[in-house]
Amino acid sequence: MAKTGWDYQVEIGKNIRRYRLESGISQREMERKYCISRTYLCKLESGKHCPSIETLRLLAKAFGITPSMFFFDVEGNEIPYM
């Protein structure tokens, strides 16, 4: 079964949450240090909002990863988007 754009967005959101938790950074700390509101971050992590490239870049910097890592699942497989 093919994934829809929505599924892709949800998977990216899961990765944002996973990397944030692995980095030990709270949503409150993200808000303070990186000026990303907790409300916005919550929407990103739940897949209700699609992050811009600039937001992905900022998040990747905060988590010490590359932006491309948001597009791969835990096993390192690319998240299908079509």
PDB file of N, CA and C in Angstrom:
ATOM      1  N   MET A   1       0.850  -1.190   0.000  1.00  0.00           N
ATOM      2  CA  MET A   1       0.000   0.000   0.000  1.00  0.00           C
ATOM      3  C   MET A   1       0.888   1.244   0.000  1.00  0.00           C
ATOM      4  N   ALA A   2       0.635   2.134  -0.931  1.00  0.00           N
ATOM      5  CA  ALA A   2       1.434   3.353  -1.057  1.00  0.00           C
ATOM      6  C   ALA A   2       1.106   4.324   0.060  1.00  0.00           C
ATOM      7  N   LYS A   3       2.130   5.014   0.503  1.00  0.00           N
ATOM      8  CA  LYS A   3       1.925   6.030   1.523  1.00  0.00           C
ATOM      9  C   LYS A   3       1.440   7.313   0.867  1.00  0.00           C
ATOM     10  N   THR A   4       0.623   8.043   1.576  1.00  0.00           N
ATOM     11  CA  THR A   4       0.149   9.328   1.085  1.00  0.00           C
ATOM     12  C   THR A   4       1.077  10.414   1.605  1.00  0.00           C
ATOM     13  N   GLY A   5       0.916  11.624   1.089  1.00  0.00           N
ATOM     14  CA  GLY A   5       1.693  12.754   1.585  1.00  0.00           C
ATOM     15  C   GLY A   5       1.525  12.940   3.073  1.00  0.00           C
ATOM     16  N   TRP A   6       0.335  12.665   3.562  1.00  0.00           N
ATOM     17  CA  TRP A   6       0.057  12.794   4.998  1.00  0.00           C
ATOM     18  C   TRP A   6       0.916  11.819   5.788  1.00  0.00           C
ATOM     19  N   ASP A   7       0.989  10.554   5.314  1.00  0.00           N
ATOM     20  CA  ASP A   7       1.799   9.556   6.003  1.00  0.00           C
ATOM     21  C   ASP A   7       3.262   9.999   6.066  1.00  0.00           C
ATOM     22  N   TYR A   8       3.740  10.551   4.995  1.00  0.00           N
ATOM     23  CA  TYR A   8       5.111  11.033   4.913  1.00  0.00           C
ATOM     24  C   TYR A   8       5.350  12.118   5.974  1.00  0.00           C
ATOM     25  N   GLN A   9       4.423  13.016   6.079  1.00  0.00           N
ATOM     26  CA  GLN A   9       4.501  14.103   7.053  1.00  0.00           C
ATOM     27  C   GLN A   9       4.507  13.534   8.471  1.00  0.00           C
ATOM     28  N   VAL A  10       3.678  12.536   8.725  1.00  0.00           N
ATOM     29  CA  VAL A  10       3.613  11.895  10.038  1.00  0.00           C
ATOM     30  C   VAL A  10       4.940  11.222  10.361  1.00  0.00           C
ATOM     31  N   GLU A  11       5.537  10.550   9.381  1.00  0.00           N
ATOM     32  CA  GLU A  11       6.813   9.861   9.601  1.00  0.00           C
ATOM     33  C   GLU A  11       7.927  10.866   9.903  1.00  0.00           C
ATOM     34  N   ILE A  12       7.941  11.976   9.208  1.00  0.00           N
ATOM     35  CA  ILE A  12       8.935  13.012   9.502  1.00  0.00           C
ATOM     36  C   ILE A  12       8.722  13.540  10.914  1.00  0.00           C
ATOM     37  N   GLY A  13       7.476  13.737  11.290  1.00  0.00           N
ATOM     38  CA  GLY A  13       7.161  14.182  12.653  1.00  0.00           C
ATOM     39  C   GLY A  13       7.650  13.205  13.705  1.00  0.00           C
ATOM     40  N   LYS A  14       7.483  11.916  13.446  1.00  0.00           N
ATOM     41  CA  LYS A  14       7.976  10.895  14.379  1.00  0.00           C
ATOM     42  C   LYS A  14       9.497  10.992  14.513  1.00  0.00           C
ATOM     43  N   ASN A  15      10.164  11.238  13.393  1.00  0.00           N
ATOM     44  CA  ASN A  15      11.622  11.372  13.435  1.00  0.00           C
ATOM     45  C   ASN A  15      12.043  12.609  14.211  1.00  0.00           C
ATOM     46  N   ILE A  16      11.324  13.695  14.038  1.00  0.00           N
ATOM     47  CA  ILE A  16      11.641  14.916  14.795  1.00  0.00           C
ATOM     48  C   ILE A  16      11.559  14.617  16.282  1.00  0.00           C
ATOM     49  N   ARG A  17      10.484  13.965  16.688  1.00  0.00           N
ATOM     50  CA  ARG A  17      10.310  13.618  18.106  1.00  0.00           C
ATOM     51  C   ARG A  17      11.413  12.667  18.573  1.00  0.00           C
ATOM     52  N   ARG A  18      11.688  11.652  17.781  1.00  0.00           N
ATOM     53  CA  ARG A  18      12.709  10.659  18.157  1.00  0.00           C
ATOM     54  C   ARG A  18      14.073  11.326  18.356  1.00  0.00           C
ATOM     55  N   TYR A  19      14.473  12.157  17.409  1.00  0.00           N
ATOM     56  CA  TYR A  19      15.777  12.818  17.534  1.00  0.00           C
ATOM     57  C   TYR A  19      15.798  13.811  18.685  1.00  0.00           C
ATOM     58  N   ARG A  20      14.686  14.471  18.927  1.00  0.00           N
ATOM     59  CA  ARG A  20      14.635  15.407  20.067  1.00  0.00           C
ATOM     60  C   ARG A  20      14.810  14.641  21.367  1.00  0.00           C
ATOM     61  N   LEU A  21      14.089  13.526  21.511  1.00  0.00           N
ATOM     62  CA  LEU A  21      14.190  12.742  22.737  1.00  0.00           C
ATOM     63  C   LEU A  21      15.576  12.118  22.887  1.00  0.00           C
ATOM     64  N   GLU A  22      16.131  11.611  21.796  1.00  0.00           N
ATOM     65  CA  GLU A  22      17.481  11.042  21.838  1.00  0.00           C
ATOM     66  C   GLU A  22      18.515  12.092  22.227  1.00  0.00           C
ATOM     67  N   SER A  23      18.252  13.334  21.868  1.00  0.00           N
ATOM     68  CA  SER A  23      19.169  14.433  22.198  1.00  0.00           C
ATOM     69  C   SER A  23      18.965  14.934  23.622  1.00  0.00           C
ATOM     70  N   GLY A  24      17.879  14.482  24.261  1.00  0.00           N
ATOM     71  CA  GLY A  24      17.597  14.909  25.627  1.00  0.00           C
ATOM     72  C   GLY A  24      17.121  16.340  25.731  1.00  0.00           C
ATOM     73  N   ILE A  25      16.496  16.834  24.666  1.00  0.00           N
ATOM     74  CA  ILE A  25      16.028  18.217  24.639  1.00  0.00           C
ATOM     75  C   ILE A  25      14.510  18.239  24.809  1.00  0.00           C
ATOM     76  N   SER A  26      14.033  18.986  25.775  1.00  0.00           N
ATOM     77  CA  SER A  26      12.588  19.095  25.999  1.00  0.00           C
ATOM     78  C   SER A  26      11.979  20.099  25.022  1.00  0.00           C
ATOM     79  N   GLN A  27      10.667  20.040  24.885  1.00  0.00           N
ATOM     80  CA  GLN A  27       9.977  21.016  24.041  1.00  0.00           C
ATOM     81  C   GLN A  27      10.170  22.421  24.606  1.00  0.00           C
ATOM     82  N   ARG A  28      10.179  22.534  25.903  1.00  0.00           N
ATOM     83  CA  ARG A  28      10.386  23.839  26.538  1.00  0.00           C
ATOM     84  C   ARG A  28      11.773  24.396  26.216  1.00  0.00           C
ATOM     85  N   GLU A  29      12.776  23.518  26.241  1.00  0.00           N
ATOM     86  CA  GLU A  29      14.133  23.939  25.915  1.00  0.00           C
ATOM     87  C   GLU A  29      14.246  24.347  24.441  1.00  0.00           C
ATOM     88  N   MET A  30      13.560  23.627  23.564  1.00  0.00           N
ATOM     89  CA  MET A  30      13.542  23.992  22.141  1.00  0.00           C
ATOM     90  C   MET A  30      12.968  25.391  21.970  1.00  0.00           C
ATOM     91  N   GLU A  31      11.943  25.679  22.743  1.00  0.00           N
ATOM     92  CA  GLU A  31      11.319  26.995  22.661  1.00  0.00           C
ATOM     93  C   GLU A  31      12.282  28.083  23.127  1.00  0.00           C
ATOM     94  N   ARG A  32      12.950  27.836  24.248  1.00  0.00           N
ATOM     95  CA  ARG A  32      13.872  28.829  24.807  1.00  0.00           C
ATOM     96  C   ARG A  32      15.113  29.028  23.945  1.00  0.00           C
ATOM     97  N   LYS A  33      15.775  27.935  23.597  1.00  0.00           N
ATOM     98  CA  LYS A  33      17.057  28.025  22.895  1.00  0.00           C
ATOM     99  C   LYS A  33      16.946  28.292  21.404  1.00  0.00           C
ATOM    100  N   TYR A  34      15.887  27.744  20.777  1.00  0.00           N
ATOM    101  CA  TYR A  34      15.823  27.781  19.315  1.00  0.00           C
ATOM    102  C   TYR A  34      14.609  28.538  18.772  1.00  0.00           C
ATOM    103  N   CYS A  35      13.849  29.152  19.661  1.00  0.00           N
ATOM    104  CA  CYS A  35      12.697  29.979  19.272  1.00  0.00           C
ATOM    105  C   CYS A  35      11.677  29.211  18.422  1.00  0.00           C
ATOM    106  N   ILE A  36      11.508  27.926  18.723  1.00  0.00           N
ATOM    107  CA  ILE A  36      10.462  27.126  18.079  1.00  0.00           C
ATOM    108  C   ILE A  36       9.404  26.886  19.143  1.00  0.00           C
ATOM    109  N   SER A  37       8.234  27.443  18.952  1.00  0.00           N
ATOM    110  CA  SER A  37       7.205  27.343  19.983  1.00  0.00           C
ATOM    111  C   SER A  37       6.823  25.896  20.242  1.00  0.00           C
ATOM    112  N   ARG A  38       6.454  25.617  21.477  1.00  0.00           N
ATOM    113  CA  ARG A  38       6.041  24.255  21.834  1.00  0.00           C
ATOM    114  C   ARG A  38       4.809  23.837  21.050  1.00  0.00           C
ATOM    115  N   THR A  39       3.907  24.767  20.795  1.00  0.00           N
ATOM    116  CA  THR A  39       2.703  24.464  20.029  1.00  0.00           C
ATOM    117  C   THR A  39       3.079  24.034  18.616  1.00  0.00           C
ATOM    118  N   TYR A  40       3.966  24.765  17.984  1.00  0.00           N
ATOM    119  CA  TYR A  40       4.408  24.444  16.632  1.00  0.00           C
ATOM    120  C   TYR A  40       5.148  23.108  16.622  1.00  0.00           C
ATOM    121  N   LEU A  41       6.043  22.912  17.583  1.00  0.00           N
ATOM    122  CA  LEU A  41       6.799  21.671  17.664  1.00  0.00           C
ATOM    123  C   LEU A  41       5.863  20.480  17.865  1.00  0.00           C
ATOM    124  N   CYS A  42       4.860  20.647  18.678  1.00  0.00           N
ATOM    125  CA  CYS A  42       3.873  19.589  18.895  1.00  0.00           C
ATOM    126  C   CYS A  42       3.159  19.238  17.590  1.00  0.00           C
ATOM    127  N   LYS A  43       2.801  20.242  16.811  1.00  0.00           N
ATOM    128  CA  LYS A  43       2.149  20.015  15.513  1.00  0.00           C
ATOM    129  C   LYS A  43       3.091  19.306  14.545  1.00  0.00           C
ATOM    130  N   LEU A  44       4.369  19.666  14.576  1.00  0.00           N
ATOM    131  CA  LEU A  44       5.344  18.997  13.724  1.00  0.00           C
ATOM    132  C   LEU A  44       5.488  17.537  14.119  1.00  0.00           C
ATOM    133  N   GLU A  45       5.660  17.297  15.413  1.00  0.00           N
ATOM    134  CA  GLU A  45       5.886  15.941  15.905  1.00  0.00           C
ATOM    135  C   GLU A  45       4.684  15.025  15.693  1.00  0.00           C
ATOM    136  N   SER A  46       3.495  15.586  15.673  1.00  0.00           N
ATOM    137  CA  SER A  46       2.293  14.771  15.467  1.00  0.00           C
ATOM    138  C   SER A  46       1.945  14.636  13.987  1.00  0.00           C
ATOM    139  N   GLY A  47       2.707  15.301  13.120  1.00  0.00           N
ATOM    140  CA  GLY A  47       2.455  15.217  11.689  1.00  0.00           C
ATOM    141  C   GLY A  47       1.317  16.076  11.210  1.00  0.00           C
ATOM    142  N   LYS A  48       0.890  17.025  12.027  1.00  0.00           N
ATOM    143  CA  LYS A  48      -0.218  17.911  11.642  1.00  0.00           C
ATOM    144  C   LYS A  48       0.254  19.133  10.872  1.00  0.00           C
ATOM    145  N   HIS A  49       1.560  19.327  10.846  1.00  0.00           N
ATOM    146  CA  HIS A  49       2.116  20.463  10.122  1.00  0.00           C
ATOM    147  C   HIS A  49       3.401  20.004   9.447  1.00  0.00           C
ATOM    148  N   CYS A  50       3.665  20.508   8.270  1.00  0.00           N
ATOM    149  CA  CYS A  50       4.859  20.137   7.514  1.00  0.00           C
ATOM    150  C   CYS A  50       5.943  21.190   7.736  1.00  0.00           C
ATOM    151  N   PRO A  51       7.124  20.775   8.190  1.00  0.00           N
ATOM    152  CA  PRO A  51       8.179  21.756   8.447  1.00  0.00           C
ATOM    153  C   PRO A  51       8.791  22.298   7.160  1.00  0.00           C
ATOM    154  N   SER A  52       9.206  23.542   7.221  1.00  0.00           N
ATOM    155  CA  SER A  52       9.923  24.135   6.088  1.00  0.00           C
ATOM    156  C   SER A  52      11.350  23.588   6.083  1.00  0.00           C
ATOM    157  N   ILE A  53      12.044  23.807   5.002  1.00  0.00           N
ATOM    158  CA  ILE A  53      13.443  23.392   4.915  1.00  0.00           C
ATOM    159  C   ILE A  53      14.260  24.106   5.985  1.00  0.00           C
ATOM    160  N   GLU A  54      13.990  25.368   6.195  1.00  0.00           N
ATOM    161  CA  GLU A  54      14.715  26.136   7.209  1.00  0.00           C
ATOM    162  C   GLU A  54      14.467  25.564   8.610  1.00  0.00           C
ATOM    163  N   THR A  55      13.236  25.160   8.885  1.00  0.00           N
ATOM    164  CA  THR A  55      12.929  24.560  10.185  1.00  0.00           C
ATOM    165  C   THR A  55      13.660  23.230  10.342  1.00  0.00           C
ATOM    166  N   LEU A  56      13.675  22.410   9.289  1.00  0.00           N
ATOM    167  CA  LEU A  56      14.406  21.142   9.349  1.00  0.00           C
ATOM    168  C   LEU A  56      15.895  21.387   9.583  1.00  0.00           C
ATOM    169  N   ARG A  57      16.435  22.415   8.953  1.00  0.00           N
ATOM    170  CA  ARG A  57      17.843  22.752   9.147  1.00  0.00           C
ATOM    171  C   ARG A  57      18.119  23.145  10.595  1.00  0.00           C
ATOM    172  N   LEU A  58      17.247  23.964  11.160  1.00  0.00           N
ATOM    173  CA  LEU A  58      17.398  24.403  12.548  1.00  0.00           C
ATOM    174  C   LEU A  58      17.272  23.227  13.514  1.00  0.00           C
ATOM    175  N   LEU A  59      16.282  22.370  13.292  1.00  0.00           N
ATOM    176  CA  LEU A  59      16.100  21.193  14.146  1.00  0.00           C
ATOM    177  C   LEU A  59      17.309  20.266  14.058  1.00  0.00           C
ATOM    178  N   ALA A  60      17.793  20.033  12.847  1.00  0.00           N
ATOM    179  CA  ALA A  60      18.953  19.164  12.662  1.00  0.00           C
ATOM    180  C   ALA A  60      20.168  19.720  13.416  1.00  0.00           C
ATOM    181  N   LYS A  61      20.365  21.012  13.342  1.00  0.00           N
ATOM    182  CA  LYS A  61      21.478  21.642  14.058  1.00  0.00           C
ATOM    183  C   LYS A  61      21.334  21.428  15.565  1.00  0.00           C
ATOM    184  N   ALA A  62      20.117  21.594  16.071  1.00  0.00           N
ATOM    185  CA  ALA A  62      19.850  21.415  17.501  1.00  0.00           C
ATOM    186  C   ALA A  62      20.120  19.975  17.941  1.00  0.00           C
ATOM    187  N   PHE A  63      19.826  19.009  17.067  1.00  0.00           N
ATOM    188  CA  PHE A  63      19.959  17.600  17.415  1.00  0.00           C
ATOM    189  C   PHE A  63      21.318  17.014  17.023  1.00  0.00           C
ATOM    190  N   GLY A  64      22.144  17.806  16.337  1.00  0.00           N
ATOM    191  CA  GLY A  64      23.459  17.335  15.929  1.00  0.00           C
ATOM    192  C   GLY A  64      23.420  16.301  14.810  1.00  0.00           C
ATOM    193  N   ILE A  65      22.459  16.466  13.895  1.00  0.00           N
ATOM    194  CA  ILE A  65      22.314  15.550  12.767  1.00  0.00           C
ATOM    195  C   ILE A  65      22.255  16.365  11.477  1.00  0.00           C
ATOM    196  N   THR A  66      22.159  15.687  10.345  1.00  0.00           N
ATOM    197  CA  THR A  66      21.951  16.388   9.080  1.00  0.00           C
ATOM    198  C   THR A  66      20.455  16.409   8.774  1.00  0.00           C
ATOM    199  N   PRO A  67      19.970  17.420   8.065  1.00  0.00           N
ATOM    200  CA  PRO A  67      18.540  17.486   7.739  1.00  0.00           C
ATOM    201  C   PRO A  67      18.037  16.251   6.995  1.00  0.00           C
ATOM    202  N   SER A  68      18.882  15.633   6.195  1.00  0.00           N
ATOM    203  CA  SER A  68      18.449  14.465   5.430  1.00  0.00           C
ATOM    204  C   SER A  68      18.048  13.297   6.317  1.00  0.00           C
ATOM    205  N   MET A  69      18.537  13.251   7.547  1.00  0.00           N
ATOM    206  CA  MET A  69      18.221  12.139   8.438  1.00  0.00           C
ATOM    207  C   MET A  69      16.745  12.083   8.805  1.00  0.00           C
ATOM    208  N   PHE A  70      16.034  13.184   8.671  1.00  0.00           N
ATOM    209  CA  PHE A  70      14.595  13.182   8.960  1.00  0.00           C
ATOM    210  C   PHE A  70      13.816  12.365   7.932  1.00  0.00           C
ATOM    211  N   PHE A  71      14.440  12.080   6.793  1.00  0.00           N
ATOM    212  CA  PHE A  71      13.765  11.395   5.697  1.00  0.00           C
ATOM    213  C   PHE A  71      14.031   9.889   5.662  1.00  0.00           C
ATOM    214  N   PHE A  72      14.613   9.362   6.746  1.00  0.00           N
ATOM    215  CA  PHE A  72      14.905   7.939   6.838  1.00  0.00           C
ATOM    216  C   PHE A  72      14.321   7.372   8.125  1.00  0.00           C
ATOM    217  N   ASP A  73      13.848   6.128   8.057  1.00  0.00           N
ATOM    218  CA  ASP A  73      13.285   5.506   9.248  1.00  0.00           C
ATOM    219  C   ASP A  73      14.398   5.001  10.168  1.00  0.00           C
ATOM    220  N   VAL A  74      14.013   4.369  11.257  1.00  0.00           N
ATOM    221  CA  VAL A  74      14.956   3.898  12.269  1.00  0.00           C
ATOM    222  C   VAL A  74      15.979   2.923  11.686  1.00  0.00           C
ATOM    223  N   GLU A  75      15.554   2.117  10.722  1.00  0.00           N
ATOM    224  CA  GLU A  75      16.453   1.131  10.112  1.00  0.00           C
ATOM    225  C   GLU A  75      17.328   1.726   9.015  1.00  0.00           C
ATOM    226  N   GLY A  76      17.138   3.002   8.700  1.00  0.00           N
ATOM    227  CA  GLY A  76      17.933   3.649   7.667  1.00  0.00           C
ATOM    228  C   GLY A  76      17.332   3.580   6.271  1.00  0.00           C
ATOM    229  N   ASN A  77      16.079   3.141   6.185  1.00  0.00           N
ATOM    230  CA  ASN A  77      15.382   3.091   4.897  1.00  0.00           C
ATOM    231  C   ASN A  77      14.720   4.438   4.629  1.00  0.00           C
ATOM    232  N   GLU A  78      14.803   4.867   3.379  1.00  0.00           N
ATOM    233  CA  GLU A  78      14.160   6.124   3.005  1.00  0.00           C
ATOM    234  C   GLU A  78      12.654   6.019   3.192  1.00  0.00           C
ATOM    235  N   ILE A  79      12.047   7.054   3.744  1.00  0.00           N
ATOM    236  CA  ILE A  79      10.600   7.084   3.934  1.00  0.00           C
ATOM    237  C   ILE A  79       9.958   7.301   2.564  1.00  0.00           C
ATOM    238  N   PRO A  80       9.122   6.381   2.119  1.00  0.00           N
ATOM    239  CA  PRO A  80       8.480   6.561   0.808  1.00  0.00           C
ATOM    240  C   PRO A  80       7.527   7.755   0.828  1.00  0.00           C
ATOM    241  N   TYR A  81       7.577   8.544  -0.199  1.00  0.00           N
ATOM    242  CA  TYR A  81       6.729   9.735  -0.239  1.00  0.00           C
ATOM    243  C   TYR A  81       5.741   9.715  -1.383  1.00  0.00           C
ATOM    244  N   MET A  82       5.707   8.672  -2.166  1.00  0.00           N
ATOM    245  CA  MET A  82       4.740   8.579  -3.261  1.00  0.00           C
ATOM    246  C   MET A  82       4.017   7.276  -3.190  1.00  0.00           C
TER     247      MET A  82
END
